[in-house]
């Protein structure tokens, strides 16, 4: 198979973790006889610094002409701490989602038995957690009209949804539920918001098309609580843009580290794959960031290409590193391995270069050389 992949390294730790994903994809290509061609584009604070634009037209064109996009992270403190900034890194990501028509963000949430001690939840609440969040990505309050009064004392953000916008992501969520445990939970605020009432009406009407899927409904405040109290009750969670943003970030900490979870954004014009963590500028350039969220996002990219055996091999390699305590500083602040070491280790595992009985002393702590 031969595919073109657009790469946006982004800000902060984005370049470091994405380079490990490329390393793993190269290992997959070599081991399974594929060809992946990479082209690099700018977005975010990096793009603003170099061009004045958070998303140059060249990057949009690059992504439109690629089979998938691999993205790192976005954001910088100099913009986060300046609410008056007119040009912001996040504008680039929002524009890219619109340009590529990426209307659905898919975030799987799984737990790892060896990391249960890092989770804020009790071990008994972590058993059997396996859900996926389908977040609508190009509508709602993030894309609505924004107004600020002339005197700067009154502001508004419009939240708007059409039935068609709801239907297209709901179909994806229903189909995902059919392949999983056949349960879909719509999260809304239908007791208060008119847009939520439309979401509930549309999903209720669609349910008859998927008779094998059980549908239930939760208000967003209750859903936020249930994710902590009993997360294993969820299979597929469907929700609108802002609720999905908040709930998926909440769900991510269940695993014990923000660096572990991947995501995919899909739609009519392409597909983009990225870890759910932010740019984490405090760790940038130190080779200590966790690359597993990015590497697992690359596995989702392989699934998107139909390379399911290859994706499973990557996930198995990731699981092996966790089971054998080859982890980054966020997981073990004392006996940790560098970002680049983990990338090399997983690449070698994918190519069957690591012996089945590998002893930890054969890999130097905090070194990028496997010996």
Protein backbone atom coordinates (compact mmCIF):
# COMPACT_ATOMS: atom_id res chain seq x y z
CA UNK A 1 0.00 0.00 0.00
CA UNK A 2 1.19 3.52 -0.80
CA UNK A 3 -0.27 6.54 1.01
CA UNK A 4 0.40 10.26 1.41
CA UNK A 5 0.40 11.56 4.98
CA UNK A 6 0.38 15.26 5.84
CA UNK A 7 2.27 15.95 9.07
CA UNK A 8 1.65 18.97 11.27
CA UNK A 9 4.12 18.92 14.14
CA UNK A 10 2.54 21.91 15.88
CA UNK A 11 3.65 23.43 19.17
CA UNK A 12 5.27 22.40 22.45
CA UNK A 13 5.79 18.64 22.65
CA UNK A 14 3.96 18.14 19.36
CA UNK A 15 7.14 17.73 17.27
CA UNK A 16 8.72 15.27 19.72
CA UNK A 17 5.79 12.89 20.06
CA UNK A 18 4.85 13.06 16.38
CA UNK A 19 8.38 12.14 15.35
CA UNK A 20 7.97 8.93 17.36
CA UNK A 21 4.74 8.15 15.50
CA UNK A 22 6.54 8.65 12.19
CA UNK A 23 9.27 6.34 13.45
CA UNK A 24 6.67 3.67 14.22
CA UNK A 25 4.88 4.17 10.89
CA UNK A 26 8.21 3.78 9.11
CA UNK A 27 8.74 0.51 10.99
CA UNK A 28 5.27 -0.66 9.94
CA UNK A 29 5.99 0.29 6.32
CA UNK A 30 9.28 -1.61 6.33
CA UNK A 31 7.93 -4.71 8.06
CA UNK A 32 4.72 -4.99 6.02
CA UNK A 33 6.00 -3.65 2.69
CA UNK A 34 4.07 -0.36 2.53
CA UNK A 35 5.14 3.12 1.45
CA UNK A 36 4.18 6.22 3.42
CA UNK A 37 5.11 9.60 1.96
CA UNK A 38 5.23 12.49 4.43
CA UNK A 39 4.75 16.19 3.71
CA UNK A 40 5.08 18.77 6.47
CA UNK A 41 2.89 21.82 7.08
CA UNK A 42 2.66 24.64 9.64
CA UNK A 43 -0.17 25.33 12.08
CA UNK A 44 -0.63 26.96 15.46
CA UNK A 45 1.79 29.20 17.35
CA UNK A 46 4.63 27.87 15.22
CA UNK A 47 2.79 29.05 12.10
CA UNK A 48 1.98 32.46 13.65
CA UNK A 49 5.63 33.00 14.53
CA UNK A 50 6.78 32.12 11.02
CA UNK A 51 3.96 33.48 8.83
CA UNK A 52 1.60 35.53 11.02
CA UNK A 53 -1.18 33.08 10.16
CA UNK A 54 -2.25 30.18 12.45
CA UNK A 55 -3.15 28.11 9.37
CA UNK A 56 -1.45 29.08 6.09
CA UNK A 57 -3.28 28.25 2.87
CA UNK A 58 -0.38 25.98 1.91
CA UNK A 59 -1.11 23.75 4.88
CA UNK A 60 -4.79 23.45 3.97
CA UNK A 61 -3.86 22.51 0.41
CA UNK A 62 -1.33 19.99 1.67
CA UNK A 63 -3.93 18.31 3.88
CA UNK A 64 -6.58 18.25 1.15
CA UNK A 65 -4.14 16.48 -1.15
CA UNK A 66 -3.16 13.83 1.42
CA UNK A 67 -4.78 10.56 2.44
CA UNK A 68 -4.63 11.45 6.14
CA UNK A 69 -3.20 14.03 8.52
CA UNK A 70 -0.98 13.24 11.51
CA UNK A 71 -1.02 16.12 14.00
CA UNK A 72 0.95 16.82 17.17
CA UNK A 73 -0.41 19.51 19.49
CA UNK A 74 -1.34 23.17 19.49
CA UNK A 75 -1.06 26.11 21.87
CA UNK A 76 1.42 28.42 23.61
CA UNK A 77 1.32 30.23 26.97
CA UNK A 78 1.87 33.64 25.38
CA UNK A 79 -1.55 33.27 23.76
CA UNK A 80 -3.25 31.36 26.58
CA UNK A 81 -2.39 34.16 28.98
CA UNK A 82 -3.48 36.98 26.66
CA UNK A 83 -7.28 37.06 26.23
CA UNK A 84 -6.96 40.14 24.01
CA UNK A 85 -4.90 38.34 21.35
CA UNK A 86 -6.62 38.69 17.97
CA UNK A 87 -4.71 35.83 16.33
CA UNK A 88 -4.57 32.58 18.31
CA UNK A 89 -3.14 29.09 17.62
CA UNK A 90 -6.52 27.42 18.18
CA UNK A 91 -7.99 29.37 15.27
CA UNK A 92 -5.81 27.28 12.99
CA UNK A 93 -7.20 23.99 14.26
CA UNK A 94 -10.81 25.17 14.08
CA UNK A 95 -10.26 26.38 10.52
CA UNK A 96 -8.62 23.11 9.51
CA UNK A 97 -11.58 21.12 10.85
CA UNK A 98 -13.91 23.26 8.77
CA UNK A 99 -11.71 23.13 5.68
CA UNK A 100 -11.43 19.33 5.80
CA UNK A 101 -15.09 18.94 6.89
CA UNK A 102 -14.03 16.94 9.93
CA UNK A 103 -17.37 16.85 11.70
CA UNK A 104 -16.76 13.90 14.05
CA UNK A 105 -14.10 13.51 16.72
CA UNK A 106 -13.67 9.94 17.96
CA UNK A 107 -11.95 9.35 21.29
CA UNK A 108 -11.62 5.81 22.64
CA UNK A 109 -11.27 5.55 26.41
CA UNK A 110 -9.55 2.44 27.76
CA UNK A 111 -7.76 1.66 30.98
CA UNK A 112 -4.49 -0.21 31.44
CA UNK A 113 -4.33 -2.65 34.38
CA UNK A 114 -0.65 -1.88 35.07
CA UNK A 115 -1.44 1.82 35.48
CA UNK A 116 -4.47 1.60 37.75
CA UNK A 117 -2.46 2.99 40.65
CA UNK A 118 -2.10 6.29 38.75
CA UNK A 119 -5.81 6.77 38.17
CA UNK A 120 -7.81 9.04 40.47
CA UNK A 121 -10.50 6.33 40.53
CA UNK A 122 -10.58 3.26 42.71
CA UNK A 123 -9.43 0.06 41.03
CA UNK A 124 -12.90 -1.49 41.26
CA UNK A 125 -14.29 1.37 39.16
CA UNK A 126 -11.70 0.85 36.42
CA UNK A 127 -12.40 -2.77 35.61
CA UNK A 128 -14.11 -3.20 32.26
CA UNK A 129 -13.88 0.46 31.19
CA UNK A 130 -14.05 0.51 27.39
CA UNK A 131 -16.00 3.31 25.76
CA UNK A 132 -15.69 5.74 22.87
CA UNK A 133 -16.85 9.34 22.68
CA UNK A 134 -18.29 10.72 19.44
CA UNK A 135 -18.07 14.50 19.63
CA UNK A 136 -19.60 16.76 16.96
CA UNK A 137 -16.71 18.93 15.81
CA UNK A 138 -17.75 21.68 13.41
CA UNK A 139 -20.94 23.14 14.87
CA UNK A 140 -22.26 24.52 18.13
CA UNK A 141 -20.98 27.34 20.29
CA UNK A 142 -17.38 27.17 19.07
CA UNK A 143 -18.44 28.13 15.57
CA UNK A 144 -21.41 30.38 16.35
CA UNK A 145 -21.53 34.16 16.00
CA UNK A 146 -19.55 35.95 18.70
CA UNK A 147 -20.40 39.44 19.89
CA UNK A 148 -18.87 41.93 22.31
CA UNK A 149 -20.59 45.18 23.16
CA UNK A 150 -18.88 48.46 22.31
CA UNK A 151 -18.19 49.15 25.98
CA UNK A 152 -16.73 45.65 26.45
CA UNK A 153 -19.09 44.71 29.28
CA UNK A 154 -21.47 42.30 27.48
CA UNK A 155 -20.56 39.29 25.36
CA UNK A 156 -22.43 36.47 23.65
CA UNK A 157 -21.61 33.23 21.82
CA UNK A 158 -24.30 31.70 19.63
CA UNK A 159 -24.88 27.94 19.72
CA UNK A 160 -26.59 26.64 16.60
CA UNK A 161 -27.23 23.16 15.19
CA UNK A 162 -29.21 21.80 12.24
CA UNK A 163 -30.86 18.40 12.07
CA UNK A 164 -28.52 17.46 9.22
CA UNK A 165 -25.43 18.21 11.34
CA UNK A 166 -26.77 16.01 14.11
CA UNK A 167 -27.80 13.17 11.82
CA UNK A 168 -24.44 12.72 10.11
CA UNK A 169 -22.48 12.18 13.32
CA UNK A 170 -25.30 10.21 14.95
CA UNK A 171 -25.17 7.71 12.06
CA UNK A 172 -21.46 7.16 12.74
CA UNK A 173 -22.09 6.70 16.46
CA UNK A 174 -24.95 4.24 15.90
CA UNK A 175 -22.84 2.19 13.48
CA UNK A 176 -19.97 2.14 15.97
CA UNK A 177 -22.34 0.91 18.69
CA UNK A 178 -23.52 -1.91 16.41
CA UNK A 179 -19.92 -3.16 16.21
CA UNK A 180 -19.36 -2.83 19.96
CA UNK A 181 -21.74 -3.55 22.85
CA UNK A 182 -24.78 -2.07 21.11
CA UNK A 183 -25.44 0.78 23.51
CA UNK A 184 -25.50 4.50 22.71
CA UNK A 185 -25.81 7.30 25.26
CA UNK A 186 -26.76 10.78 24.06
CA UNK A 187 -25.44 13.47 26.39
CA UNK A 188 -27.25 16.81 26.24
CA UNK A 189 -28.91 19.51 28.35
CA UNK A 190 -32.41 19.10 26.95
CA UNK A 191 -34.05 20.42 30.12
CA UNK A 192 -32.58 23.87 29.41
CA UNK A 193 -31.21 24.23 25.86
CA UNK A 194 -33.22 24.33 22.63
CA UNK A 195 -30.29 22.90 20.67
CA UNK A 196 -30.18 19.93 23.06
CA UNK A 197 -33.89 19.33 22.57
CA UNK A 198 -33.26 19.18 18.82
CA UNK A 199 -30.42 16.69 19.38
CA UNK A 200 -32.70 14.49 21.46
CA UNK A 201 -35.56 14.69 18.95
CA UNK A 202 -33.31 13.78 16.01
CA UNK A 203 -31.59 10.88 17.80
CA UNK A 204 -34.91 9.50 19.04
CA UNK A 205 -36.25 9.54 15.49
CA UNK A 206 -33.13 7.77 14.17
CA UNK A 207 -33.16 5.02 16.79
CA UNK A 208 -35.69 2.95 14.80
CA UNK A 209 -33.09 2.59 12.02
CA UNK A 210 -30.82 0.79 14.49
CA UNK A 211 -33.16 -1.56 16.40
CA UNK A 212 -30.26 -3.60 17.77
CA UNK A 213 -28.83 -0.57 19.60
CA UNK A 214 -30.14 0.46 23.02
CA UNK A 215 -30.36 4.24 23.36
CA UNK A 216 -30.40 6.17 26.60
CA UNK A 217 -30.11 9.85 27.46
CA UNK A 218 -28.19 11.74 30.14
CA UNK A 219 -27.99 15.41 31.00
CA UNK A 220 -24.39 16.57 30.74
CA UNK A 221 -23.99 17.32 34.46
CA UNK A 222 -25.14 13.80 35.34
CA UNK A 223 -22.93 12.31 32.61
CA UNK A 224 -19.90 14.10 34.05
CA UNK A 225 -20.65 12.54 37.42
CA UNK A 226 -21.33 9.06 35.98
CA UNK A 227 -17.97 9.05 34.17
CA UNK A 228 -16.33 9.12 37.58
CA UNK A 229 -18.79 7.04 39.60
CA UNK A 230 -19.36 4.23 37.07
CA UNK A 231 -17.46 4.69 33.79
CA UNK A 232 -17.85 1.07 32.68
CA UNK A 233 -21.58 1.65 32.09
CA UNK A 234 -20.77 3.53 28.87
CA UNK A 235 -20.25 2.06 25.43
CA UNK A 236 -20.69 4.82 22.81
CA UNK A 237 -21.22 8.39 24.03
CA UNK A 238 -22.64 10.85 21.50
CA UNK A 239 -22.68 14.56 22.20
CA UNK A 240 -22.30 18.08 20.83
CA UNK A 241 -19.11 20.07 20.45
CA UNK A 242 -18.56 21.81 23.80
CA UNK A 243 -19.96 19.00 25.95
CA UNK A 244 -17.77 16.54 24.05
CA UNK A 245 -14.69 18.70 24.54
CA UNK A 246 -15.20 18.76 28.30
CA UNK A 247 -16.31 15.15 28.80
CA UNK A 248 -13.55 13.64 26.66
CA UNK A 249 -10.92 15.53 28.63
CA UNK A 250 -12.52 14.36 31.87
CA UNK A 251 -12.54 10.77 30.62
CA UNK A 252 -8.89 10.98 29.62
CA UNK A 253 -7.63 11.24 33.21
CA UNK A 254 -9.27 7.93 34.11
CA UNK A 255 -6.34 6.11 32.48
CA UNK A 256 -3.80 7.74 34.78
CA UNK A 257 -1.99 9.91 32.22
CA UNK A 258 -3.08 12.44 29.62
CA UNK A 259 -0.34 11.12 27.37
CA UNK A 260 -1.99 7.77 26.70
CA UNK A 261 -5.11 8.48 24.68
CA UNK A 262 -5.46 8.92 20.91
CA UNK A 263 -8.17 10.47 18.77
CA UNK A 264 -9.39 10.61 15.21
CA UNK A 265 -11.32 13.38 13.47
CA UNK A 266 -13.20 12.23 10.39
CA UNK A 267 -15.73 13.63 7.96
CA UNK A 268 -16.39 14.35 4.31
CA UNK A 269 -13.01 15.76 3.36
CA UNK A 270 -10.36 13.68 5.08
CA UNK A 271 -9.19 12.32 8.40
CA UNK A 272 -6.90 13.73 11.09
CA UNK A 273 -5.22 11.82 13.90
CA UNK A 274 -3.83 13.36 17.09
CA UNK A 275 -3.22 12.62 20.76
CA UNK A 276 -5.73 14.23 23.09
CA UNK A 277 -3.14 16.01 25.23
CA UNK A 278 -2.18 19.64 24.77
CA UNK A 279 1.14 21.16 23.81
CA UNK A 280 2.59 20.88 27.37
CA UNK A 281 5.21 23.58 26.76
CA UNK A 282 6.92 22.95 30.11
CA UNK A 283 8.22 19.62 28.76
CA UNK A 284 9.05 20.78 25.23
CA UNK A 285 12.54 19.90 24.07
CA UNK A 286 13.34 17.73 27.10
CA UNK A 287 12.62 14.32 25.52
CA UNK A 288 10.38 13.38 28.45
CA UNK A 289 6.87 13.63 26.96
CA UNK A 290 4.76 10.50 26.65
CA UNK A 291 4.50 9.55 22.94
CA UNK A 292 1.96 6.76 23.38
CA UNK A 293 -1.10 8.93 22.69
CA UNK A 294 0.47 9.97 19.41
CA UNK A 295 1.60 6.43 18.55
CA UNK A 296 -1.88 5.06 19.28
CA UNK A 297 -3.28 7.83 17.07
CA UNK A 298 -1.01 6.48 14.34
CA UNK A 299 -2.59 3.08 14.97
CA UNK A 300 -6.02 4.66 14.36
CA UNK A 301 -4.59 6.11 11.14
CA UNK A 302 -3.57 2.60 10.08
CA UNK A 303 -7.10 1.37 10.81
CA UNK A 304 -8.40 4.22 8.63
CA UNK A 305 -6.24 2.86 5.79
CA UNK A 306 -7.70 -0.61 6.36
CA UNK A 307 -4.42 -1.90 7.78
CA UNK A 308 -5.98 -3.57 10.80
CA UNK A 309 -3.28 -6.19 11.33
CA UNK A 310 -0.63 -3.46 11.38
CA UNK A 311 -2.69 -1.33 13.77
CA UNK A 312 -3.14 -4.29 16.12
CA UNK A 313 0.63 -4.89 16.06
CA UNK A 314 1.28 -1.29 17.12
CA UNK A 315 -1.26 -1.51 19.94
CA UNK A 316 0.26 -4.80 21.11
CA UNK A 317 3.70 -3.17 21.17
CA UNK A 318 2.37 -0.26 23.23
CA UNK A 319 0.77 -2.68 25.68
CA UNK A 320 4.06 -4.57 25.96
CA UNK A 321 5.96 -1.44 26.94
CA UNK A 322 3.42 -0.65 29.65
CA UNK A 323 3.30 -4.22 30.95
CA UNK A 324 7.10 -4.29 31.19
CA UNK A 325 7.45 -0.82 32.78
CA UNK A 326 9.15 0.87 29.85
CA UNK A 327 7.40 4.16 30.50
CA UNK A 328 8.00 7.90 30.40
CA UNK A 329 8.38 10.33 33.29
CA UNK A 330 4.65 11.09 33.64
CA UNK A 331 4.09 7.46 34.61
CA UNK A 332 7.26 6.77 36.61
CA UNK A 333 9.17 9.91 37.68
CA UNK A 334 12.15 7.87 38.93
CA UNK A 335 12.82 4.95 36.57
CA UNK A 336 11.68 6.51 33.32
CA UNK A 337 12.71 6.28 29.68
CA UNK A 338 13.03 9.10 27.19
CA UNK A 339 10.39 9.87 24.58
CA UNK A 340 12.76 8.78 21.82
CA UNK A 341 13.61 5.54 23.62
CA UNK A 342 9.96 4.53 23.75
CA UNK A 343 9.58 5.33 20.05
CA UNK A 344 12.58 3.19 19.16
CA UNK A 345 11.44 0.35 21.39
CA UNK A 346 7.95 0.21 19.86
CA UNK A 347 9.44 0.44 16.36
CA UNK A 348 11.66 -2.55 17.11
CA UNK A 349 8.74 -4.48 18.62
CA UNK A 350 6.69 -3.87 15.48
CA UNK A 351 9.53 -5.37 13.42
CA UNK A 352 9.97 -8.33 15.80
CA UNK A 353 13.48 -7.20 16.70
CA UNK A 354 12.98 -7.45 20.45
CA UNK A 355 13.44 -10.88 22.07
CA UNK A 356 10.44 -12.23 23.95
CA UNK A 357 12.44 -12.29 27.18
CA UNK A 358 13.93 -8.83 27.26
CA UNK A 359 15.42 -7.79 30.56
CA UNK A 360 15.15 -4.12 31.60
CA UNK A 361 18.89 -3.88 32.19
CA UNK A 362 19.40 -4.36 28.45
CA UNK A 363 17.85 -0.96 27.82
CA UNK A 364 19.62 2.01 29.31
CA UNK A 365 17.47 4.19 31.52
CA UNK A 366 16.83 7.66 30.07
CA UNK A 367 18.87 6.83 26.97
CA UNK A 368 17.71 6.77 23.39
CA UNK A 369 19.90 3.79 22.54
CA UNK A 370 18.58 0.26 22.84
CA UNK A 371 21.42 -2.17 23.54
